[in-house]
Amino acid sequence: MGNTVDTTESIISAYTQAYSEIEQEIAGLSEQQVRWKSSPTSWSVTEVLAHLVDHSIVVSFRIREILAGSQVKLPAFDQDAWVAGQKANEEHVSKLIAIAHGLVQYNSGLLERLDEQEWNKTGINFKGESVSLSAIIPAFVAHVQHHVNQIRRIKQEAAGKQVL
């Protein structure tokens, strides 16, 4: 059980630190820089952050559905439609970061209270596959890392266009 506790603690730690690298990447960027888009269909840094908040909301719901023993498919969402529909590029980055941290803190408190049996509970994702709670959290962290890399690409492209 000690090894499982260490693994669970490292999963929660990675989860609570998921946004640290993003904060480093966006530190010092102006409003113009975080809202810049290479094309009308591409995302800005602000829209990437809004998407991550949306993803956190959906993951929060998935966690609770699994813990409740729900038999319904875990929710998916149309990320482009959500970002566009909420006019995400008009939001302030500082607000998005605060919301993201709040959701992570709220969920991490829940995750810290779970025992091994609860961590192993499963739900059915939108693809019809069984997924465990212990797999959802590392997948979330990997998803955030994917978007850290996206932010880096946006910054590089903007620098090439002399936006940064």
C-alpha atoms as a PDB file:
ATOM      1  CA  MET A   1       0.000   0.000   0.000  1.00  0.00           C
ATOM      2  CA  GLY A   2       2.914   2.391   0.674  1.00  0.00           C
ATOM      3  CA  ASN A   3       3.882   2.340  -2.998  1.00  0.00           C
ATOM      4  CA  THR A   4       0.298   3.126  -4.012  1.00  0.00           C
ATOM      5  CA  VAL A   5       0.231   6.051  -1.582  1.00  0.00           C
ATOM      6  CA  ASP A   6       3.498   7.379  -3.058  1.00  0.00           C
ATOM      7  CA  THR A   7       2.084   7.028  -6.567  1.00  0.00           C
ATOM      8  CA  THR A   8      -1.163   8.732  -5.591  1.00  0.00           C
ATOM      9  CA  GLU A   9       0.759  11.554  -3.916  1.00  0.00           C
ATOM     10  CA  SER A  10       2.932  12.052  -7.009  1.00  0.00           C
ATOM     11  CA  ILE A  11      -0.157  12.081  -9.252  1.00  0.00           C
ATOM     12  CA  ILE A  12      -1.821  14.711  -7.058  1.00  0.00           C
ATOM     13  CA  SER A  13       1.396  16.734  -6.871  1.00  0.00           C
ATOM     14  CA  ALA A  14       1.751  16.752 -10.668  1.00  0.00           C
ATOM     15  CA  TYR A  15      -1.902  17.742 -10.904  1.00  0.00           C
ATOM     16  CA  THR A  16      -1.567  20.672  -8.485  1.00  0.00           C
ATOM     17  CA  GLN A  17       1.552  21.901 -10.318  1.00  0.00           C
ATOM     18  CA  ALA A  18       0.076  21.505 -13.827  1.00  0.00           C
ATOM     19  CA  TYR A  19      -0.273  25.233 -14.474  1.00  0.00           C
ATOM     20  CA  SER A  20       3.132  26.324 -13.123  1.00  0.00           C
ATOM     21  CA  GLU A  21       4.895  25.965 -16.459  1.00  0.00           C
ATOM     22  CA  ILE A  22       2.123  27.837 -18.252  1.00  0.00           C
ATOM     23  CA  GLU A  23       2.481  30.709 -15.811  1.00  0.00           C
ATOM     24  CA  GLN A  24       6.208  30.826 -16.567  1.00  0.00           C
ATOM     25  CA  GLU A  25       5.521  30.847 -20.312  1.00  0.00           C
ATOM     26  CA  ILE A  26       3.057  33.723 -20.168  1.00  0.00           C
ATOM     27  CA  ALA A  27       4.846  35.846 -17.567  1.00  0.00           C
ATOM     28  CA  GLY A  28       5.476  39.320 -18.905  1.00  0.00           C
ATOM     29  CA  LEU A  29       3.299  39.011 -22.015  1.00  0.00           C
ATOM     30  CA  SER A  30       1.124  42.004 -22.839  1.00  0.00           C
ATOM     31  CA  GLU A  31      -2.630  41.867 -23.461  1.00  0.00           C
ATOM     32  CA  GLN A  32      -1.927  42.226 -27.190  1.00  0.00           C
ATOM     33  CA  GLN A  33       0.488  39.305 -27.062  1.00  0.00           C
ATOM     34  CA  VAL A  34      -1.834  36.918 -25.214  1.00  0.00           C
ATOM     35  CA  ARG A  35      -4.727  37.747 -27.546  1.00  0.00           C
ATOM     36  CA  TRP A  36      -2.727  37.501 -30.810  1.00  0.00           C
ATOM     37  CA  LYS A  37      -3.860  34.845 -33.308  1.00  0.00           C
ATOM     38  CA  SER A  38      -1.996  33.736 -36.408  1.00  0.00           C
ATOM     39  CA  SER A  39      -5.326  33.254 -38.201  1.00  0.00           C
ATOM     40  CA  PRO A  40      -9.030  33.597 -37.405  1.00  0.00           C
ATOM     41  CA  THR A  41      -9.310  29.832 -36.836  1.00  0.00           C
ATOM     42  CA  SER A  42      -6.214  29.443 -34.664  1.00  0.00           C
ATOM     43  CA  TRP A  43      -6.192  29.955 -30.912  1.00  0.00           C
ATOM     44  CA  SER A  44      -4.507  32.720 -28.961  1.00  0.00           C
ATOM     45  CA  VAL A  45      -2.728  32.111 -25.666  1.00  0.00           C
ATOM     46  CA  THR A  46      -5.864  33.410 -23.933  1.00  0.00           C
ATOM     47  CA  GLU A  47      -8.051  30.931 -25.819  1.00  0.00           C
ATOM     48  CA  VAL A  48      -5.701  28.073 -24.911  1.00  0.00           C
ATOM     49  CA  LEU A  49      -6.083  29.018 -21.249  1.00  0.00           C
ATOM     50  CA  ALA A  50      -9.869  29.272 -21.573  1.00  0.00           C
ATOM     51  CA  HIS A  51      -9.901  25.816 -23.151  1.00  0.00           C
ATOM     52  CA  LEU A  52      -7.887  24.452 -20.222  1.00  0.00           C
ATOM     53  CA  VAL A  53     -10.390  25.931 -17.770  1.00  0.00           C
ATOM     54  CA  ASP A  54     -13.207  24.324 -19.780  1.00  0.00           C
ATOM     55  CA  HIS A  55     -11.298  21.042 -19.726  1.00  0.00           C
ATOM     56  CA  SER A  56     -10.873  21.352 -15.951  1.00  0.00           C
ATOM     57  CA  ILE A  57     -14.620  21.798 -15.566  1.00  0.00           C
ATOM     58  CA  VAL A  58     -15.314  18.697 -17.664  1.00  0.00           C
ATOM     59  CA  VAL A  59     -12.666  16.666 -15.805  1.00  0.00           C
ATOM     60  CA  SER A  60     -14.204  17.794 -12.504  1.00  0.00           C
ATOM     61  CA  PHE A  61     -17.550  16.453 -13.659  1.00  0.00           C
ATOM     62  CA  ARG A  62     -15.973  13.190 -14.881  1.00  0.00           C
ATOM     63  CA  ILE A  63     -14.281  12.663 -11.498  1.00  0.00           C
ATOM     64  CA  ARG A  64     -17.581  13.055  -9.686  1.00  0.00           C
ATOM     65  CA  GLU A  65     -19.491  10.835 -12.118  1.00  0.00           C
ATOM     66  CA  ILE A  66     -16.943   8.052 -11.595  1.00  0.00           C
ATOM     67  CA  LEU A  67     -17.007   8.390  -7.814  1.00  0.00           C
ATOM     68  CA  ALA A  68     -20.813   8.362  -7.832  1.00  0.00           C
ATOM     69  CA  GLY A  69     -20.783   5.076  -9.734  1.00  0.00           C
ATOM     70  CA  SER A  70     -22.684   6.580 -12.647  1.00  0.00           C
ATOM     71  CA  GLN A  71     -23.258   4.287 -15.609  1.00  0.00           C
ATOM     72  CA  VAL A  72     -23.688   7.100 -18.152  1.00  0.00           C
ATOM     73  CA  LYS A  73     -20.914   7.901 -20.618  1.00  0.00           C
ATOM     74  CA  LEU A  74     -18.529  10.507 -19.317  1.00  0.00           C
ATOM     75  CA  PRO A  75     -19.040  13.841 -21.062  1.00  0.00           C
ATOM     76  CA  ALA A  76     -17.054  15.082 -24.014  1.00  0.00           C
ATOM     77  CA  PHE A  77     -17.160  18.607 -25.414  1.00  0.00           C
ATOM     78  CA  ASP A  78     -16.557  20.457 -28.658  1.00  0.00           C
ATOM     79  CA  GLN A  79     -13.540  22.505 -27.642  1.00  0.00           C
ATOM     80  CA  ASP A  80     -13.538  24.839 -30.652  1.00  0.00           C
ATOM     81  CA  ALA A  81     -17.236  25.602 -30.293  1.00  0.00           C
ATOM     82  CA  TRP A  82     -16.850  26.227 -26.564  1.00  0.00           C
ATOM     83  CA  VAL A  83     -13.906  28.607 -27.060  1.00  0.00           C
ATOM     84  CA  ALA A  84     -15.669  30.481 -29.872  1.00  0.00           C
ATOM     85  CA  GLY A  85     -19.089  30.532 -28.205  1.00  0.00           C
ATOM     86  CA  GLN A  86     -17.855  32.122 -25.005  1.00  0.00           C
ATOM     87  CA  LYS A  87     -15.737  34.784 -26.760  1.00  0.00           C
ATOM     88  CA  ALA A  88     -12.799  33.390 -24.823  1.00  0.00           C
ATOM     89  CA  ASN A  89     -10.254  35.777 -26.327  1.00  0.00           C
ATOM     90  CA  GLU A  90     -11.972  38.648 -24.526  1.00  0.00           C
ATOM     91  CA  GLU A  91     -11.305  37.163 -21.055  1.00  0.00           C
ATOM     92  CA  HIS A  92      -8.382  38.294 -18.906  1.00  0.00           C
ATOM     93  CA  VAL A  93      -5.538  35.817 -18.551  1.00  0.00           C
ATOM     94  CA  SER A  94      -5.154  36.531 -14.836  1.00  0.00           C
ATOM     95  CA  LYS A  95      -8.788  35.561 -14.277  1.00  0.00           C
ATOM     96  CA  LEU A  96      -8.369  32.328 -16.248  1.00  0.00           C
ATOM     97  CA  ILE A  97      -5.274  31.373 -14.250  1.00  0.00           C
ATOM     98  CA  ALA A  98      -7.092  32.080 -10.970  1.00  0.00           C
ATOM     99  CA  ILE A  99     -10.061  29.939 -12.037  1.00  0.00           C
ATOM    100  CA  ALA A 100      -7.775  27.129 -13.207  1.00  0.00           C
ATOM    101  CA  HIS A 101      -5.941  27.128  -9.873  1.00  0.00           C
ATOM    102  CA  GLY A 102      -9.233  27.195  -7.979  1.00  0.00           C
ATOM    103  CA  LEU A 103     -10.562  24.158  -9.813  1.00  0.00           C
ATOM    104  CA  VAL A 104      -7.311  22.258  -9.317  1.00  0.00           C
ATOM    105  CA  GLN A 105      -7.247  23.084  -5.610  1.00  0.00           C
ATOM    106  CA  TYR A 106     -10.871  22.095  -5.169  1.00  0.00           C
ATOM    107  CA  ASN A 107     -10.339  18.797  -6.964  1.00  0.00           C
ATOM    108  CA  SER A 108      -7.026  18.040  -5.265  1.00  0.00           C
ATOM    109  CA  GLY A 109      -8.718  18.241  -1.869  1.00  0.00           C
ATOM    110  CA  LEU A 110     -11.193  15.629  -3.051  1.00  0.00           C
ATOM    111  CA  LEU A 111      -8.460  13.446  -4.560  1.00  0.00           C
ATOM    112  CA  GLU A 112      -6.477  13.528  -1.301  1.00  0.00           C
ATOM    113  CA  ARG A 113      -9.481  12.059   0.550  1.00  0.00           C
ATOM    114  CA  LEU A 114      -9.813   9.028  -1.741  1.00  0.00           C
ATOM    115  CA  ASP A 115      -8.693   5.537  -0.844  1.00  0.00           C
ATOM    116  CA  GLU A 116      -7.140   3.022  -3.247  1.00  0.00           C
ATOM    117  CA  GLN A 117     -10.482   1.445  -4.112  1.00  0.00           C
ATOM    118  CA  GLU A 118     -11.925   4.832  -5.083  1.00  0.00           C
ATOM    119  CA  TRP A 119      -8.854   5.670  -7.204  1.00  0.00           C
ATOM    120  CA  ASN A 120      -9.486   2.447  -9.119  1.00  0.00           C
ATOM    121  CA  LYS A 121     -13.143   3.207  -9.871  1.00  0.00           C
ATOM    122  CA  THR A 122     -13.947   3.448 -13.557  1.00  0.00           C
ATOM    123  CA  GLY A 123     -16.340   5.135 -15.928  1.00  0.00           C
ATOM    124  CA  ILE A 124     -17.039   4.843 -19.644  1.00  0.00           C
ATOM    125  CA  ASN A 125     -15.594   7.611 -21.788  1.00  0.00           C
ATOM    126  CA  PHE A 126     -17.248   9.076 -24.877  1.00  0.00           C
ATOM    127  CA  LYS A 127     -15.433   6.475 -27.019  1.00  0.00           C
ATOM    128  CA  GLY A 128     -17.058   3.658 -25.041  1.00  0.00           C
ATOM    129  CA  GLU A 129     -13.799   2.714 -23.300  1.00  0.00           C
ATOM    130  CA  SER A 130     -13.415   2.059 -19.587  1.00  0.00           C
ATOM    131  CA  VAL A 131     -11.231   4.649 -17.871  1.00  0.00           C
ATOM    132  CA  SER A 132     -10.129   4.749 -14.245  1.00  0.00           C
ATOM    133  CA  LEU A 133      -9.936   7.784 -12.056  1.00  0.00           C
ATOM    134  CA  SER A 134      -6.244   7.028 -11.546  1.00  0.00           C
ATOM    135  CA  ALA A 135      -5.763   7.403 -15.332  1.00  0.00           C
ATOM    136  CA  ILE A 136      -7.847  10.568 -15.763  1.00  0.00           C
ATOM    137  CA  ILE A 137      -5.635  12.766 -13.609  1.00  0.00           C
ATOM    138  CA  PRO A 138      -2.300  11.937 -15.330  1.00  0.00           C
ATOM    139  CA  ALA A 139      -4.085  12.350 -18.679  1.00  0.00           C
ATOM    140  CA  PHE A 140      -5.172  15.825 -17.576  1.00  0.00           C
ATOM    141  CA  VAL A 141      -1.579  16.728 -16.667  1.00  0.00           C
ATOM    142  CA  ALA A 142      -0.385  15.468 -20.075  1.00  0.00           C
ATOM    143  CA  HIS A 143      -3.133  17.513 -21.734  1.00  0.00           C
ATOM    144  CA  VAL A 144      -1.939  20.667 -19.978  1.00  0.00           C
ATOM    145  CA  GLN A 145       1.643  19.893 -21.076  1.00  0.00           C
ATOM    146  CA  HIS A 146       0.434  19.555 -24.679  1.00  0.00           C
ATOM    147  CA  HIS A 147      -0.984  23.063 -24.402  1.00  0.00           C
ATOM    148  CA  VAL A 148       2.216  24.411 -22.820  1.00  0.00           C
ATOM    149  CA  ASN A 149       3.890  23.349 -26.052  1.00  0.00           C
ATOM    150  CA  GLN A 150       1.090  24.994 -28.048  1.00  0.00           C
ATOM    151  CA  ILE A 151       1.665  28.253 -26.163  1.00  0.00           C
ATOM    152  CA  ARG A 152       5.369  28.027 -26.980  1.00  0.00           C
ATOM    153  CA  ARG A 153       4.528  27.589 -30.669  1.00  0.00           C
ATOM    154  CA  ILE A 154       2.168  30.584 -30.577  1.00  0.00           C
ATOM    155  CA  LYS A 155       4.887  32.688 -28.957  1.00  0.00           C
ATOM    156  CA  GLN A 156       7.459  31.604 -31.559  1.00  0.00           C
ATOM    157  CA  GLU A 157       5.096  32.401 -34.410  1.00  0.00           C
ATOM    158  CA  ALA A 158       4.203  35.756 -32.868  1.00  0.00           C
ATOM    159  CA  ALA A 159       7.886  36.593 -32.426  1.00  0.00           C
ATOM    160  CA  GLY A 160       8.416  35.812 -36.114  1.00  0.00           C
ATOM    161  CA  LYS A 161       5.618  38.281 -36.910  1.00  0.00           C
ATOM    162  CA  GLN A 162       7.210  40.737 -34.454  1.00  0.00           C
ATOM    163  CA  VAL A 163       4.188  40.692 -32.164  1.00  0.00           C
ATOM    164  CA  LEU A 164       6.333  39.735 -29.178  1.00  0.00           C
END
